[in-house]
Amino acid sequence: MMPLLTRVEARDPGGGDADEFPFSVPALRALGTLDLAGPVTLFVGENGSGKSTLLESIAIATKLPTVGSIAASRDDTLEPQRRLAGLLKLVWARNTHRGFFLRAEDFFGFAKRLQEMRRDFEREAREMGEKFRDHSLMARTLAQGPARRSLAEMEALYGTDLNARSHGESFLALFQSRLVPEGLYLLDEPEAALSPQSQLAFVSMLKASIDEGSQFLIATHSPVLMAIPEARILSFDRSPVAPVSFEELEHVRLLRDFLAEPERFLRHLWI
C-alpha cells in the first residue's frame, strides 16, 4: 500500500549551531533523507536519541492537529522543534490534513480535562434546571439545552466518561474515536498508557486503520510495536538514522535475554 508521506528530507540539518539543541543530537545533525516506505514507520532508540524530537518536528511541519494538548505549532516548549521543522521538506504521494499528533504524556491531562468539562456541563444543566424550576417543562428544557447538547456531543465523541475506565481502556477508546480513513497519525510512545495485552489490541486497531489507507509514524520503546509485520524500523542510535531489522534491535535482544533468565540479570542489581 502506498504511504501518504513518502519521505522526509532535511534541507540542511547541519546549518544550525552544532552545540545547540536539537542540532546537538547526532542523529538529527546528520539526518539526511528518511524513506517512509510503508504504512508503519517506527522511530526507535534510547532516550535522548532524537526520535521524539523529530516526530514533534514532523507534526509541526505537517500542521496536523495535536490531541490533548496545545497545538505543536504554538507550544512554547517546542521552539527547538520548530527550528528543525523549518529545515524539513516533506515529500507526499497524497497530501492529507486528516489524522493527528498524539503524545501519550498528554493523554492523561486530556482525560482529566474531559472529566472537568463533563462536570461543568452537568453543573450548568442542574443550575439552569434550578433557576427555571418554577417555569414550564418546555422553558426548563430550553434553558438546559446548550449544556445538555454539549454533554451529548462530548459523549458521542469520547464515550460516557473516559476516567471511569482504566488508563489503557480510556486511551484505546480515545484513539479509536479519532481514527478516520486515509489519515496520517504521528504517535509518541503510545505504549506508555497500555499493558502488553492492550498493546496487542492497539496493534489490531492499527491494522484496521491501515486497511483503510492510513499511515503511522510511531516513536516507541515497545518490542510489541516493533514486531508489527512489515513495519519500517529506523534506529536513532545510529548517525545518520538507518533502517534496522527487528532481530537487530537491542531492545528485543535484551528483553528476550532477561525473560529467559531474569535471575542472571538481577543477582548483581538486587543486593
Protein backbone atom coordinates (compact mmCIF):
# COMPACT_ATOMS: atom_id res chain seq x y z
CA MET A 1 0.00 0.00 0.00
CA MET A 2 1.39 3.40 -0.99
CA PRO A 3 2.12 5.61 2.04
CA LEU A 4 0.75 9.15 2.17
CA LEU A 5 4.04 10.73 3.29
CA THR A 6 6.86 9.04 1.40
CA ARG A 7 9.99 10.89 2.54
CA VAL A 8 11.28 13.44 4.99
CA GLU A 9 14.32 15.34 3.78
CA ALA A 10 16.47 17.63 5.91
CA ARG A 11 17.43 20.59 3.71
CA ASP A 12 20.50 21.43 5.81
CA PRO A 13 20.37 19.92 9.30
CA GLY A 14 23.94 21.00 9.91
CA GLY A 15 23.00 24.62 9.33
CA GLY A 16 22.12 25.12 12.97
CA ASP A 17 24.56 25.56 15.82
CA ALA A 18 26.04 22.11 16.46
CA ASP A 19 26.16 22.85 20.19
CA GLU A 20 22.50 23.92 20.33
CA PHE A 21 19.57 21.55 20.71
CA PRO A 22 18.24 19.92 18.56
CA PHE A 23 21.29 20.11 16.26
CA SER A 24 23.50 18.88 19.10
CA VAL A 25 21.80 15.46 18.79
CA PRO A 26 24.00 13.38 16.44
CA ALA A 27 21.13 11.61 14.68
CA LEU A 28 19.41 14.93 13.92
CA ARG A 29 22.55 16.79 12.90
CA ALA A 30 23.20 14.10 10.26
CA LEU A 31 19.56 13.49 9.40
CA GLY A 32 19.66 13.43 5.60
CA THR A 33 16.68 11.68 3.97
CA LEU A 34 14.27 9.32 5.71
CA ASP A 35 12.41 6.89 3.47
CA LEU A 36 8.93 6.18 4.82
CA ALA A 37 8.32 3.24 2.54
CA GLY A 38 5.37 1.55 4.23
CA PRO A 39 2.21 2.21 6.21
CA VAL A 40 4.06 1.93 9.55
CA THR A 41 7.42 3.53 10.34
CA LEU A 42 8.86 3.13 13.83
CA PHE A 43 11.41 5.51 15.37
CA VAL A 44 13.46 3.59 17.93
CA GLY A 45 16.42 4.48 20.12
CA GLU A 46 17.47 5.36 23.63
CA ASN A 47 16.09 8.36 25.47
CA GLY A 48 17.73 11.49 24.11
CA SER A 49 18.47 9.94 20.73
CA GLY A 50 16.17 12.40 18.92
CA LYS A 51 13.26 10.19 17.88
CA SER A 52 10.55 12.12 19.73
CA THR A 53 12.12 15.44 18.74
CA LEU A 54 11.95 14.55 15.06
CA LEU A 55 8.38 13.26 15.40
CA GLU A 56 7.36 16.56 17.01
CA SER A 57 9.09 18.48 14.21
CA ILE A 58 7.27 16.45 11.56
CA ALA A 59 3.99 17.14 13.37
CA ILE A 60 4.73 20.86 13.18
CA ALA A 61 5.68 20.62 9.50
CA THR A 62 2.52 18.66 8.58
CA LYS A 63 0.28 21.06 10.56
CA LEU A 64 -1.71 18.11 11.90
CA PRO A 65 -3.85 18.79 14.98
CA THR A 66 -2.49 17.80 18.37
CA VAL A 67 -4.72 15.62 20.55
CA GLY A 68 -4.94 16.56 24.19
CA SER A 69 -2.56 19.47 24.26
CA ILE A 70 -1.80 22.86 22.81
CA ALA A 71 -1.03 22.67 19.08
CA ALA A 72 2.58 21.71 18.44
CA SER A 73 2.99 24.81 16.26
CA ARG A 74 2.12 27.05 19.27
CA ASP A 75 3.64 25.10 22.17
CA ASP A 76 6.34 27.28 23.75
CA THR A 77 8.28 24.19 24.84
CA LEU A 78 8.71 23.10 21.21
CA GLU A 79 10.61 26.11 19.86
CA PRO A 80 13.70 23.97 19.03
CA GLN A 81 11.46 21.51 17.20
CA ARG A 82 10.01 24.40 15.18
CA ARG A 83 13.53 25.35 14.09
CA LEU A 84 14.12 21.81 12.91
CA ALA A 85 10.69 21.70 11.23
CA GLY A 86 11.70 24.73 9.17
CA LEU A 87 14.51 22.65 7.67
CA LEU A 88 12.34 19.69 6.73
CA LYS A 89 10.99 19.02 3.27
CA LEU A 90 8.02 16.65 3.24
CA VAL A 91 7.53 14.56 0.10
CA TRP A 92 3.95 13.36 -0.31
CA ALA A 93 2.34 10.74 -2.51
CA ARG A 94 -1.01 12.17 -1.38
CA ASN A 95 -1.07 15.18 0.89
CA THR A 96 -3.60 14.92 3.69
CA HIS A 97 -4.91 17.03 6.55
CA ARG A 98 -6.56 14.01 8.13
CA GLY A 99 -5.02 12.49 11.22
CA PHE A 100 -3.37 13.85 14.35
CA PHE A 101 -0.29 14.03 16.55
CA LEU A 102 -0.55 12.37 19.95
CA ARG A 103 1.92 12.21 22.82
CA ALA A 104 0.98 9.62 25.42
CA GLU A 105 2.13 12.03 28.15
CA ASP A 106 -0.61 14.44 27.05
CA PHE A 107 -3.35 11.82 27.17
CA PHE A 108 -3.74 11.75 30.94
CA GLY A 109 -4.17 15.51 31.13
CA PHE A 110 -6.63 15.37 28.25
CA ALA A 111 -8.75 12.74 30.02
CA LYS A 112 -8.73 14.90 33.17
CA ARG A 113 -9.88 17.94 31.17
CA LEU A 114 -12.70 15.90 29.64
CA GLN A 115 -13.81 14.92 33.14
CA GLU A 116 -13.78 18.57 34.23
CA MET A 117 -15.76 19.61 31.14
CA ARG A 118 -18.31 16.88 31.83
CA ARG A 119 -18.75 18.13 35.40
CA ASP A 120 -19.11 21.72 34.16
CA PHE A 121 -21.83 20.77 31.66
CA GLU A 122 -23.68 18.71 34.28
CA ARG A 123 -23.46 21.54 36.83
CA GLU A 124 -24.69 24.09 34.29
CA ALA A 125 -27.66 21.86 33.42
CA ARG A 126 -28.53 21.47 37.12
CA GLU A 127 -28.21 25.19 37.77
CA MET A 128 -30.44 26.07 34.84
CA GLY A 129 -32.96 23.48 35.95
CA GLU A 130 -32.98 25.03 39.43
CA LYS A 131 -33.21 28.56 38.05
CA PHE A 132 -36.24 27.68 35.91
CA ARG A 133 -37.85 25.18 38.29
CA ASP A 134 -40.99 27.30 38.61
CA HIS A 135 -41.37 27.60 34.83
CA SER A 136 -42.87 25.16 32.40
CA LEU A 137 -41.16 21.94 31.40
CA MET A 138 -40.51 23.44 27.95
CA ALA A 139 -38.83 26.51 29.47
CA ARG A 140 -36.61 24.33 31.70
CA THR A 141 -35.72 22.11 28.76
CA LEU A 142 -34.79 25.08 26.58
CA ALA A 143 -32.68 26.60 29.37
CA GLN A 144 -30.79 23.35 29.91
CA GLY A 145 -30.47 22.68 26.18
CA PRO A 146 -26.99 24.13 25.44
CA ALA A 147 -25.32 22.33 28.34
CA ARG A 148 -27.04 19.02 27.58
CA ARG A 149 -26.20 19.28 23.86
CA SER A 150 -22.55 19.94 24.69
CA LEU A 151 -22.53 16.95 27.04
CA ALA A 152 -24.17 14.71 24.42
CA GLU A 153 -21.66 15.80 21.75
CA MET A 154 -18.74 15.09 24.06
CA GLU A 155 -20.12 11.65 24.97
CA ALA A 156 -20.69 10.85 21.29
CA LEU A 157 -17.02 11.57 20.59
CA TYR A 158 -15.35 10.13 23.69
CA GLY A 159 -17.87 7.91 25.50
CA THR A 160 -19.70 8.49 28.72
CA ASP A 161 -16.62 9.01 30.92
CA LEU A 162 -13.04 8.20 29.99
CA ASN A 163 -11.98 8.47 33.63
CA ALA A 164 -14.37 5.69 34.66
CA ARG A 165 -12.18 3.25 32.71
CA SER A 166 -8.62 2.12 33.17
CA HIS A 167 -5.92 4.24 31.54
CA GLY A 168 -5.46 1.64 28.82
CA GLU A 169 -9.18 1.36 28.07
CA SER A 170 -9.50 5.15 28.02
CA PHE A 171 -6.55 5.53 25.68
CA LEU A 172 -7.88 2.90 23.26
CA ALA A 173 -11.37 4.45 23.34
CA LEU A 174 -10.00 7.91 22.62
CA PHE A 175 -7.72 6.63 19.88
CA GLN A 176 -10.50 4.64 18.22
CA SER A 177 -12.87 7.62 18.32
CA ARG A 178 -10.42 9.82 16.40
CA LEU A 179 -9.36 7.42 13.64
CA VAL A 180 -10.54 8.23 10.12
CA PRO A 181 -9.66 6.54 6.81
CA GLU A 182 -6.61 7.79 4.89
CA GLY A 183 -5.22 9.66 7.87
CA LEU A 184 -1.63 10.29 8.91
CA TYR A 185 -1.04 9.56 12.59
CA LEU A 186 2.08 10.63 14.50
CA LEU A 187 2.28 8.87 17.86
CA ASP A 188 4.91 9.41 20.55
CA GLU A 189 5.35 6.39 22.85
CA PRO A 190 1.68 5.29 22.80
CA GLU A 191 2.62 2.18 24.79
CA ALA A 192 3.06 4.33 27.92
CA ALA A 193 -0.66 4.06 28.62
CA LEU A 194 -1.02 0.41 27.63
CA SER A 195 -0.47 -3.00 29.19
CA PRO A 196 1.05 -5.71 26.94
CA GLN A 197 -2.45 -7.06 26.25
CA SER A 198 -3.73 -3.57 25.42
CA GLN A 199 -0.75 -3.05 23.13
CA LEU A 200 -1.92 -6.07 21.11
CA ALA A 201 -5.41 -4.55 20.91
CA PHE A 202 -3.77 -1.31 19.78
CA VAL A 203 -1.89 -3.18 17.02
CA SER A 204 -5.21 -4.61 15.85
CA MET A 205 -6.60 -1.06 15.59
CA LEU A 206 -3.58 -0.01 13.57
CA LYS A 207 -4.11 -2.87 11.14
CA ALA A 208 -7.78 -1.98 10.63
CA SER A 209 -6.85 1.66 10.01
CA ILE A 210 -4.03 0.73 7.62
CA ASP A 211 -6.53 -1.33 5.63
CA GLU A 212 -8.47 1.93 5.21
CA GLY A 213 -5.45 3.71 3.75
CA SER A 214 -3.91 5.27 6.86
CA GLN A 215 -0.23 5.68 7.73
CA PHE A 216 1.51 5.72 11.11
CA LEU A 217 4.80 7.20 12.32
CA ILE A 218 5.47 5.98 15.85
CA ALA A 219 8.28 6.72 18.30
CA THR A 220 8.43 3.74 20.64
CA HIS A 221 10.32 1.63 23.15
CA SER A 222 7.85 -1.27 22.85
CA PRO A 223 9.05 -4.58 21.39
CA VAL A 224 5.38 -5.41 20.79
CA LEU A 225 5.01 -2.46 18.42
CA MET A 226 8.45 -3.11 16.95
CA ALA A 227 7.17 -6.54 15.89
CA ILE A 228 4.40 -5.12 13.66
CA PRO A 229 4.71 -7.07 10.38
CA GLU A 230 6.47 -5.17 7.58
CA ALA A 231 6.99 -2.10 9.76
CA ARG A 232 9.98 0.01 8.73
CA ILE A 233 12.20 0.42 11.80
CA LEU A 234 14.55 3.41 11.89
CA SER A 235 17.25 3.44 14.58
CA PHE A 236 18.17 6.81 16.09
CA ASP A 237 21.05 5.18 17.92
CA ARG A 238 22.89 5.37 14.61
CA SER A 239 24.13 8.50 12.92
CA PRO A 240 22.81 9.01 10.38
CA VAL A 241 19.49 7.37 11.18
CA ALA A 242 19.32 3.98 9.47
CA PRO A 243 16.82 1.14 8.99
CA VAL A 244 17.30 -1.97 11.15
CA SER A 245 15.57 -5.32 11.39
CA PHE A 246 13.53 -6.47 14.36
CA GLU A 247 16.15 -9.09 15.20
CA GLU A 248 18.92 -6.46 15.31
CA LEU A 249 17.21 -4.33 17.95
CA GLU A 250 18.94 -4.12 21.31
CA HIS A 251 15.52 -3.67 22.97
CA VAL A 252 14.45 -7.06 21.62
CA ARG A 253 17.66 -8.93 22.45
CA LEU A 254 17.77 -7.51 25.97
CA LEU A 255 14.15 -8.32 26.73
CA ARG A 256 14.47 -11.85 25.37
CA ASP A 257 17.60 -12.49 27.42
CA PHE A 258 16.05 -11.00 30.55
CA LEU A 259 12.82 -13.04 30.29
CA ALA A 260 14.82 -16.21 29.67
CA GLU A 261 16.99 -15.71 32.79
CA PRO A 262 15.78 -12.80 34.94
CA GLU A 263 17.76 -14.05 37.96
CA ARG A 264 21.03 -13.75 36.00
CA PHE A 265 20.37 -10.04 35.37
CA LEU A 266 19.07 -9.23 38.82
CA ARG A 267 21.57 -11.05 41.02
CA HIS A 268 24.05 -8.22 40.54
CA LEU A 269 21.44 -5.48 40.91
CA TRP A 270 19.21 -6.71 43.75
CA ILE A 271 21.67 -6.97 46.62
